[in-house]
C-alpha atoms as a PDB file:
ATOM      1  CA  MET A   1     -26.591  -3.618 -51.984  1.00  0.00           C
ATOM      2  CA  ALA A   2     -24.844  -2.426 -48.842  1.00  0.00           C
ATOM      3  CA  ARG A   3     -25.312  -4.375 -45.640  1.00  0.00           C
ATOM      4  CA  PHE A   4     -26.276  -1.213 -43.702  1.00  0.00           C
ATOM      5  CA  HIS A   5     -28.513   1.722 -44.555  1.00  0.00           C
ATOM      6  CA  ARG A   6     -27.244   4.229 -41.994  1.00  0.00           C
ATOM      7  CA  VAL A   7     -24.024   4.095 -40.012  1.00  0.00           C
ATOM      8  CA  MET A   8     -22.323   6.119 -37.259  1.00  0.00           C
ATOM      9  CA  VAL A   9     -18.541   6.348 -37.503  1.00  0.00           C
ATOM     10  CA  LYS A  10     -16.616   6.993 -34.283  1.00  0.00           C
ATOM     11  CA  LEU A  11     -13.209   8.532 -34.983  1.00  0.00           C
ATOM     12  CA  SER A  12     -10.541   9.458 -32.441  1.00  0.00           C
ATOM     13  CA  GLY A  13      -8.912  12.846 -32.680  1.00  0.00           C
ATOM     14  CA  GLY A  14      -5.687  11.002 -33.115  1.00  0.00           C
ATOM     15  CA  ALA A  15      -6.844   9.695 -36.491  1.00  0.00           C
ATOM     16  CA  LEU A  16      -6.477  13.255 -37.854  1.00  0.00           C
ATOM     17  CA  ALA A  17      -2.968  13.622 -36.481  1.00  0.00           C
ATOM     18  CA  GLY A  18      -1.393  10.559 -38.114  1.00  0.00           C
ATOM     19  CA  GLY A  19       1.885   9.479 -36.567  1.00  0.00           C
ATOM     20  CA  SER A  20       2.613  12.785 -34.932  1.00  0.00           C
ATOM     21  CA  GLY A  21      -0.198  12.416 -32.371  1.00  0.00           C
ATOM     22  CA  PHE A  22      -0.870  16.110 -32.375  1.00  0.00           C
ATOM     23  CA  GLY A  23      -2.483  18.570 -34.799  1.00  0.00           C
ATOM     24  CA  PHE A  24      -3.311  17.613 -38.338  1.00  0.00           C
ATOM     25  CA  ASP A  25      -1.545  15.407 -40.841  1.00  0.00           C
ATOM     26  CA  ARG A  26      -2.389  15.802 -44.522  1.00  0.00           C
ATOM     27  CA  ALA A  27      -1.902  12.089 -45.395  1.00  0.00           C
ATOM     28  CA  ALA A  28      -4.097  11.114 -42.468  1.00  0.00           C
ATOM     29  CA  LEU A  29      -6.840  13.515 -43.471  1.00  0.00           C
ATOM     30  CA  GLU A  30      -6.700  12.272 -47.048  1.00  0.00           C
ATOM     31  CA  HIS A  31      -7.023   8.666 -45.852  1.00  0.00           C
ATOM     32  CA  ILE A  32     -10.052   9.543 -43.704  1.00  0.00           C
ATOM     33  CA  VAL A  33     -11.727  11.404 -46.509  1.00  0.00           C
ATOM     34  CA  GLY A  34     -11.079   8.552 -48.966  1.00  0.00           C
ATOM     35  CA  GLU A  35     -12.508   6.004 -46.591  1.00  0.00           C
ATOM     36  CA  ILE A  36     -15.649   7.992 -45.984  1.00  0.00           C
ATOM     37  CA  LEU A  37     -16.239   8.680 -49.667  1.00  0.00           C
ATOM     38  CA  SER A  38     -15.783   5.023 -50.555  1.00  0.00           C
ATOM     39  CA  VAL A  39     -18.652   4.162 -48.220  1.00  0.00           C
ATOM     40  CA  ARG A  40     -20.790   6.966 -49.542  1.00  0.00           C
ATOM     41  CA  GLU A  41     -20.368   5.540 -53.080  1.00  0.00           C
ATOM     42  CA  LEU A  42     -22.481   2.560 -51.880  1.00  0.00           C
ATOM     43  CA  GLY A  43     -25.362   4.866 -51.039  1.00  0.00           C
ATOM     44  CA  VAL A  44     -24.926   4.452 -47.301  1.00  0.00           C
ATOM     45  CA  GLU A  45     -26.105   7.355 -45.121  1.00  0.00           C
ATOM     46  CA  MET A  46     -23.342   8.408 -42.682  1.00  0.00           C
ATOM     47  CA  ALA A  47     -22.857  10.326 -39.547  1.00  0.00           C
ATOM     48  CA  ILE A  48     -19.471  10.919 -37.865  1.00  0.00           C
ATOM     49  CA  MET A  49     -18.505  11.594 -34.282  1.00  0.00           C
ATOM     50  CA  VAL A  50     -14.845  12.734 -33.923  1.00  0.00           C
ATOM     51  CA  GLY A  51     -12.825  13.135 -30.728  1.00  0.00           C
ATOM     52  CA  GLY A  52     -10.462  15.992 -29.855  1.00  0.00           C
ATOM     53  CA  GLY A  53      -7.345  14.219 -28.513  1.00  0.00           C
ATOM     54  CA  ASN A  54      -5.103  15.501 -31.229  1.00  0.00           C
ATOM     55  CA  ILE A  55      -5.625  19.038 -29.844  1.00  0.00           C
ATOM     56  CA  PHE A  56      -6.282  18.602 -26.128  1.00  0.00           C
ATOM     57  CA  ARG A  57      -5.942  15.573 -23.827  1.00  0.00           C
ATOM     58  CA  GLY A  58      -6.801  14.964 -20.184  1.00  0.00           C
ATOM     59  CA  ASN A  59      -3.178  14.599 -19.167  1.00  0.00           C
ATOM     60  CA  MET A  60      -2.575  18.155 -20.343  1.00  0.00           C
ATOM     61  CA  ALA A  61      -5.300  19.321 -17.964  1.00  0.00           C
ATOM     62  CA  ASP A  62      -3.711  17.286 -15.131  1.00  0.00           C
ATOM     63  CA  ASP A  63      -0.279  18.887 -15.766  1.00  0.00           C
ATOM     64  CA  TRP A  64      -1.821  22.351 -15.609  1.00  0.00           C
ATOM     65  CA  GLY A  65      -4.138  21.600 -12.653  1.00  0.00           C
ATOM     66  CA  ILE A  66      -7.274  22.372 -14.704  1.00  0.00           C
ATOM     67  CA  GLU A  67     -10.420  21.056 -13.138  1.00  0.00           C
ATOM     68  CA  ARG A  68     -12.285  18.271 -15.006  1.00  0.00           C
ATOM     69  CA  ALA A  69     -15.381  20.250 -16.029  1.00  0.00           C
ATOM     70  CA  GLU A  70     -13.214  23.064 -17.538  1.00  0.00           C
ATOM     71  CA  ALA A  71     -10.974  20.514 -19.254  1.00  0.00           C
ATOM     72  CA  ASP A  72     -14.005  18.761 -20.836  1.00  0.00           C
ATOM     73  CA  ASN A  73     -15.227  22.108 -22.165  1.00  0.00           C
ATOM     74  CA  ILE A  74     -11.860  22.683 -23.784  1.00  0.00           C
ATOM     75  CA  GLY A  75     -11.981  19.162 -25.207  1.00  0.00           C
ATOM     76  CA  ALA A  76     -15.472  19.729 -26.567  1.00  0.00           C
ATOM     77  CA  THR A  77     -14.231  22.838 -28.408  1.00  0.00           C
ATOM     78  CA  ALA A  78     -11.361  20.768 -29.842  1.00  0.00           C
ATOM     79  CA  THR A  79     -13.945  18.395 -31.384  1.00  0.00           C
ATOM     80  CA  VAL A  80     -15.566  21.394 -33.111  1.00  0.00           C
ATOM     81  CA  ILE A  81     -12.242  22.390 -34.628  1.00  0.00           C
ATOM     82  CA  ASN A  82     -11.718  18.805 -35.846  1.00  0.00           C
ATOM     83  CA  SER A  83     -15.256  18.640 -37.265  1.00  0.00           C
ATOM     84  CA  LEU A  84     -14.743  21.865 -39.206  1.00  0.00           C
ATOM     85  CA  MET A  85     -11.365  20.610 -40.455  1.00  0.00           C
ATOM     86  CA  LEU A  86     -12.947  17.398 -41.605  1.00  0.00           C
ATOM     87  CA  ARG A  87     -15.773  19.146 -43.258  1.00  0.00           C
ATOM     88  CA  GLY A  88     -13.328  21.373 -45.140  1.00  0.00           C
ATOM     89  CA  ALA A  89     -11.345  18.367 -46.297  1.00  0.00           C
ATOM     90  CA  LEU A  90     -14.424  16.418 -47.409  1.00  0.00           C
ATOM     91  CA  THR A  91     -15.886  19.420 -49.237  1.00  0.00           C
ATOM     92  CA  ALA A  92     -12.553  19.946 -51.008  1.00  0.00           C
ATOM     93  CA  ARG A  93     -12.773  16.357 -52.246  1.00  0.00           C
ATOM     94  CA  GLY A  94     -16.290  16.797 -53.682  1.00  0.00           C
ATOM     95  CA  ALA A  95     -18.291  15.250 -50.841  1.00  0.00           C
ATOM     96  CA  GLY A  96     -21.204  17.561 -51.523  1.00  0.00           C
ATOM     97  CA  ASP A  97     -23.337  18.908 -48.709  1.00  0.00           C
ATOM     98  CA  VAL A  98     -21.566  18.208 -45.407  1.00  0.00           C
ATOM     99  CA  ARG A  99     -23.184  19.514 -42.214  1.00  0.00           C
ATOM    100  CA  VAL A 100     -21.561  20.004 -38.807  1.00  0.00           C
ATOM    101  CA  MET A 101     -23.979  19.942 -35.888  1.00  0.00           C
ATOM    102  CA  THR A 102     -22.873  20.972 -32.391  1.00  0.00           C
ATOM    103  CA  ALA A 103     -24.303  20.286 -28.970  1.00  0.00           C
ATOM    104  CA  ILE A 104     -22.929  23.681 -27.863  1.00  0.00           C
ATOM    105  CA  PRO A 105     -24.473  26.525 -29.881  1.00  0.00           C
ATOM    106  CA  MET A 106     -21.953  27.968 -32.363  1.00  0.00           C
ATOM    107  CA  ASN A 107     -24.315  29.298 -35.010  1.00  0.00           C
ATOM    108  CA  ALA A 108     -21.672  31.247 -36.944  1.00  0.00           C
ATOM    109  CA  VAL A 109     -19.819  28.044 -37.970  1.00  0.00           C
ATOM    110  CA  ALA A 110     -22.234  25.086 -37.449  1.00  0.00           C
ATOM    111  CA  GLU A 111     -25.838  24.107 -36.904  1.00  0.00           C
ATOM    112  CA  PRO A 112     -27.198  23.362 -33.469  1.00  0.00           C
ATOM    113  CA  TYR A 113     -27.962  19.693 -32.927  1.00  0.00           C
ATOM    114  CA  ILE A 114     -31.645  19.007 -33.496  1.00  0.00           C
ATOM    115  CA  ARG A 115     -32.536  15.326 -33.723  1.00  0.00           C
ATOM    116  CA  LEU A 116     -35.232  15.373 -36.384  1.00  0.00           C
ATOM    117  CA  ARG A 117     -33.228  17.848 -38.486  1.00  0.00           C
ATOM    118  CA  SER A 118     -30.202  15.583 -38.379  1.00  0.00           C
ATOM    119  CA  ILE A 119     -32.373  12.642 -39.600  1.00  0.00           C
ATOM    120  CA  HIS A 120     -33.730  14.852 -42.364  1.00  0.00           C
ATOM    121  CA  HIS A 121     -30.212  15.809 -43.434  1.00  0.00           C
ATOM    122  CA  MET A 122     -29.202  12.148 -43.812  1.00  0.00           C
ATOM    123  CA  GLU A 123     -32.414  11.265 -45.600  1.00  0.00           C
ATOM    124  CA  LYS A 124     -31.550  14.003 -48.087  1.00  0.00           C
ATOM    125  CA  GLY A 125     -28.069  12.413 -48.631  1.00  0.00           C
ATOM    126  CA  ARG A 126     -26.143  14.940 -46.579  1.00  0.00           C
ATOM    127  CA  LEU A 127     -23.077  13.871 -44.625  1.00  0.00           C
ATOM    128  CA  LEU A 128     -23.246  14.711 -40.923  1.00  0.00           C
ATOM    129  CA  ILE A 129     -20.449  15.434 -38.433  1.00  0.00           C
ATOM    130  CA  PHE A 130     -21.454  15.700 -34.792  1.00  0.00           C
ATOM    131  CA  ALA A 131     -19.306  17.865 -32.548  1.00  0.00           C
ATOM    132  CA  ALA A 132     -19.061  18.945 -28.877  1.00  0.00           C
ATOM    133  CA  GLY A 133     -20.291  15.631 -27.533  1.00  0.00           C
ATOM    134  CA  THR A 134     -23.568  16.091 -25.648  1.00  0.00           C
ATOM    135  CA  GLY A 135     -22.527  19.574 -24.562  1.00  0.00           C
ATOM    136  CA  GLN A 136     -21.959  18.361 -20.970  1.00  0.00           C
ATOM    137  CA  PRO A 137     -18.656  17.515 -19.085  1.00  0.00           C
ATOM    138  CA  TYR A 138     -17.616  14.212 -17.476  1.00  0.00           C
ATOM    139  CA  ILE A 139     -18.223  11.974 -20.456  1.00  0.00           C
ATOM    140  CA  THR A 140     -16.001  10.905 -23.352  1.00  0.00           C
ATOM    141  CA  THR A 141     -17.011  11.199 -27.024  1.00  0.00           C
ATOM    142  CA  ASP A 142     -17.798   7.456 -27.012  1.00  0.00           C
ATOM    143  CA  TYR A 143     -21.052   8.064 -25.135  1.00  0.00           C
ATOM    144  CA  PRO A 144     -22.507  10.715 -27.453  1.00  0.00           C
ATOM    145  CA  ALA A 145     -21.474   8.604 -30.419  1.00  0.00           C
ATOM    146  CA  VAL A 146     -23.743   5.827 -29.149  1.00  0.00           C
ATOM    147  CA  GLN A 147     -26.456   8.255 -28.074  1.00  0.00           C
ATOM    148  CA  ARG A 148     -26.500  10.107 -31.444  1.00  0.00           C
ATOM    149  CA  ALA A 149     -26.514   6.780 -33.268  1.00  0.00           C
ATOM    150  CA  LEU A 150     -29.585   5.715 -31.352  1.00  0.00           C
ATOM    151  CA  GLU A 151     -31.290   9.084 -31.700  1.00  0.00           C
ATOM    152  CA  THR A 152     -30.710   9.153 -35.518  1.00  0.00           C
ATOM    153  CA  ARG A 153     -31.709   5.510 -36.037  1.00  0.00           C
ATOM    154  CA  CYS A 154     -28.321   4.244 -37.193  1.00  0.00           C
ATOM    155  CA  ASP A 155     -27.997   0.548 -37.854  1.00  0.00           C
ATOM    156  CA  VAL A 156     -24.487   0.162 -36.479  1.00  0.00           C
ATOM    157  CA  ILE A 157     -21.472   1.949 -35.018  1.00  0.00           C
ATOM    158  CA  PHE A 158     -18.169   1.695 -36.790  1.00  0.00           C
ATOM    159  CA  ALA A 159     -15.628   2.103 -33.960  1.00  0.00           C
ATOM    160  CA  ALA A 160     -12.382   2.965 -35.778  1.00  0.00           C
ATOM    161  CA  LYS A 161      -9.237   2.151 -33.855  1.00  0.00           C
ATOM    162  CA  ASN A 162      -5.635   3.116 -34.460  1.00  0.00           C
ATOM    163  CA  GLY A 163      -3.231   0.170 -34.606  1.00  0.00           C
ATOM    164  CA  ALA A 164      -5.675  -2.546 -33.416  1.00  0.00           C
ATOM    165  CA  PRO A 165      -7.182  -5.021 -35.930  1.00  0.00           C
ATOM    166  CA  GLY A 166     -10.279  -5.437 -33.825  1.00  0.00           C
ATOM    167  CA  VAL A 167     -11.014  -6.683 -30.331  1.00  0.00           C
ATOM    168  CA  CYS A 168      -8.228  -9.019 -29.238  1.00  0.00           C
ATOM    169  CA  THR A 169      -7.570 -11.310 -26.248  1.00  0.00           C
ATOM    170  CA  ALA A 170      -4.668  -8.972 -25.328  1.00  0.00           C
ATOM    171  CA  ASP A 171      -2.952  -5.904 -26.723  1.00  0.00           C
ATOM    172  CA  PRO A 172      -1.508  -7.181 -29.969  1.00  0.00           C
ATOM    173  CA  ASN A 173       1.265  -4.549 -29.794  1.00  0.00           C
ATOM    174  CA  LEU A 174       2.491  -6.041 -26.533  1.00  0.00           C
ATOM    175  CA  GLU A 175       1.484  -9.694 -26.865  1.00  0.00           C
ATOM    176  CA  PRO A 176       2.368 -11.354 -30.207  1.00  0.00           C
ATOM    177  CA  THR A 177       0.162 -14.378 -29.473  1.00  0.00           C
ATOM    178  CA  ALA A 178      -2.962 -12.256 -28.980  1.00  0.00           C
ATOM    179  CA  ARG A 179      -5.907 -13.550 -31.019  1.00  0.00           C
ATOM    180  CA  ARG A 180      -8.516 -11.450 -32.725  1.00  0.00           C
ATOM    181  CA  PHE A 181     -12.201 -12.076 -32.171  1.00  0.00           C
ATOM    182  CA  THR A 182     -14.327 -12.016 -35.303  1.00  0.00           C
ATOM    183  CA  THR A 183     -17.603 -11.994 -33.394  1.00  0.00           C
ATOM    184  CA  LEU A 184     -18.554 -11.439 -29.738  1.00  0.00           C
ATOM    185  CA  PRO A 185     -21.782 -11.048 -27.748  1.00  0.00           C
ATOM    186  CA  TYR A 186     -22.034  -8.031 -25.459  1.00  0.00           C
ATOM    187  CA  GLU A 187     -21.912 -10.123 -22.288  1.00  0.00           C
ATOM    188  CA  GLU A 188     -18.599 -11.720 -23.286  1.00  0.00           C
ATOM    189  CA  VAL A 189     -17.036  -8.312 -23.651  1.00  0.00           C
ATOM    190  CA  LEU A 190     -18.071  -7.502 -20.067  1.00  0.00           C
ATOM    191  CA  THR A 191     -17.118 -10.879 -18.662  1.00  0.00           C
ATOM    192  CA  ARG A 192     -13.601 -10.768 -20.214  1.00  0.00           C
ATOM    193  CA  ASN A 193     -13.267  -7.053 -19.295  1.00  0.00           C
ATOM    194  CA  LEU A 194     -12.306  -6.221 -22.891  1.00  0.00           C
ATOM    195  CA  LYS A 195     -11.559  -2.585 -23.717  1.00  0.00           C
ATOM    196  CA  VAL A 196     -13.873  -1.666 -26.552  1.00  0.00           C
ATOM    197  CA  MET A 197     -14.939   1.834 -25.599  1.00  0.00           C
ATOM    198  CA  ASP A 198     -15.979   3.847 -22.545  1.00  0.00           C
ATOM    199  CA  GLN A 199     -18.042   1.442 -20.398  1.00  0.00           C
ATOM    200  CA  ALA A 200     -21.058   3.753 -20.059  1.00  0.00           C
ATOM    201  CA  ALA A 201     -21.199   4.009 -23.875  1.00  0.00           C
ATOM    202  CA  PHE A 202     -20.842   0.286 -24.266  1.00  0.00           C
ATOM    203  CA  LEU A 203     -23.616  -0.424 -21.775  1.00  0.00           C
ATOM    204  CA  LEU A 204     -25.939   1.982 -23.637  1.00  0.00           C
ATOM    205  CA  ALA A 205     -25.264   0.176 -26.919  1.00  0.00           C
ATOM    206  CA  LYS A 206     -25.858  -3.172 -25.178  1.00  0.00           C
ATOM    207  CA  GLU A 207     -29.161  -1.973 -23.639  1.00  0.00           C
ATOM    208  CA  TYR A 208     -30.544  -0.961 -27.009  1.00  0.00           C
ATOM    209  CA  ARG A 209     -28.867  -3.821 -29.003  1.00  0.00           C
ATOM    210  CA  LEU A 210     -26.876  -1.465 -31.213  1.00  0.00           C
ATOM    211  CA  PRO A 211     -24.209  -3.505 -33.084  1.00  0.00           C
ATOM    212  CA  LEU A 212     -20.574  -2.399 -32.947  1.00  0.00           C
ATOM    213  CA  TYR A 213     -17.899  -3.051 -35.565  1.00  0.00           C
ATOM    214  CA  VAL A 214     -14.420  -2.540 -34.113  1.00  0.00           C
ATOM    215  CA  PHE A 215     -11.584  -2.390 -36.768  1.00  0.00           C
ATOM    216  CA  ASP A 216      -8.276  -0.884 -37.664  1.00  0.00           C
ATOM    217  CA  PHE A 217      -8.965   2.342 -39.504  1.00  0.00           C
ATOM    218  CA  ALA A 218      -5.604   2.153 -41.224  1.00  0.00           C
ATOM    219  CA  GLU A 219      -6.759  -0.996 -43.110  1.00  0.00           C
ATOM    220  CA  LYS A 220      -7.658   0.177 -46.568  1.00  0.00           C
ATOM    221  CA  GLN A 221     -11.410   0.393 -47.370  1.00  0.00           C
ATOM    222  CA  ALA A 222     -12.226  -1.434 -44.161  1.00  0.00           C
ATOM    223  CA  MET A 223     -15.596   0.317 -43.752  1.00  0.00           C
ATOM    224  CA  ARG A 224     -16.590  -0.232 -47.367  1.00  0.00           C
ATOM    225  CA  ARG A 225     -15.690  -3.925 -47.090  1.00  0.00           C
ATOM    226  CA  ILE A 226     -17.790  -4.261 -43.930  1.00  0.00           C
ATOM    227  CA  CYS A 227     -20.746  -2.620 -45.741  1.00  0.00           C
ATOM    228  CA  GLU A 228     -20.288  -5.036 -48.613  1.00  0.00           C
ATOM    229  CA  GLY A 229     -20.537  -8.024 -46.246  1.00  0.00           C
ATOM    230  CA  GLU A 230     -16.893  -8.836 -45.576  1.00  0.00           C
ATOM    231  CA  ASP A 231     -16.003  -9.734 -41.951  1.00  0.00           C
ATOM    232  CA  VAL A 232     -13.375  -7.145 -41.044  1.00  0.00           C
ATOM    233  CA  GLY A 233     -12.315  -6.511 -37.459  1.00  0.00           C
ATOM    234  CA  THR A 234     -14.749  -7.657 -34.747  1.00  0.00           C
ATOM    235  CA  LEU A 235     -18.558  -7.532 -34.695  1.00  0.00           C
ATOM    236  CA  ILE A 236     -20.165  -7.163 -31.303  1.00  0.00           C
ATOM    237  CA  ALA A 237     -23.925  -7.788 -31.151  1.00  0.00           C
ATOM    238  CA  ASP A 238     -26.640  -9.578 -29.271  1.00  0.00           C
ATOM    239  CA  GLY A 239     -26.718 -13.394 -29.541  1.00  0.00           C
ATOM    240  CA  LEU A 240     -23.447 -13.888 -31.450  1.00  0.00           C
ATOM    241  CA  PRO A 241     -21.057 -16.726 -30.743  1.00  0.00           C
ATOM    242  CA  VAL A 242     -17.499 -16.210 -29.540  1.00  0.00           C
ATOM    243  CA  GLN A 243     -15.429 -16.719 -32.677  1.00  0.00           C
ATOM    244  CA  PHE A 244     -11.745 -16.097 -33.473  1.00  0.00           C
ATOM    245  CA  ALA A 245      -9.980 -15.226 -36.764  1.00  0.00           C
END
């Protein structure tokens, strides 16, 4: 039996772009789809929140002199494109009924986000993809990932990272001696000023004691192995000891 009943997966837009960092990469999409389907085989209910950085980033707005609110609206639209692309790839691989729900009404291509309806979809075995954040500017997609996870009664957030094996004492790409934490309490993350996700999102998870698993998404079947009880990446939760790999 899987460790978790219902999970929220937070993906960056860059995960869809692969090594190019922009647009869509077929191998990257196939990897994402394979990882999601491997968890679904365990009977785990899943929701996904995907970013839009492979299409539009804040530095592009800065270069063009676009104000923050406008830039965030563009970024929210990018997450809808990514969600539709991901739905298409999942459906093509036989994922069954995949629903995209948006915080900004786009009824021709997706359903509006309604909390109880989203829970009903998951209870019926449907895969959910949340798009457009909360529909408001000035927040990253980390915050709505935590918010939607709480609203839909998820047991945990899987925070997928690119190139990081979990939460480490330093950037492992810059510091070869950096050590990976296997478990951390919320307070230790704040005390050490560790970069896990947007701070407002992290504080929301901490307030409601929502566990976070931080792991390298490139590691094969990482999410499935976590659901099966294996300690992959870093688990952040209330009352845990500070432990290293």
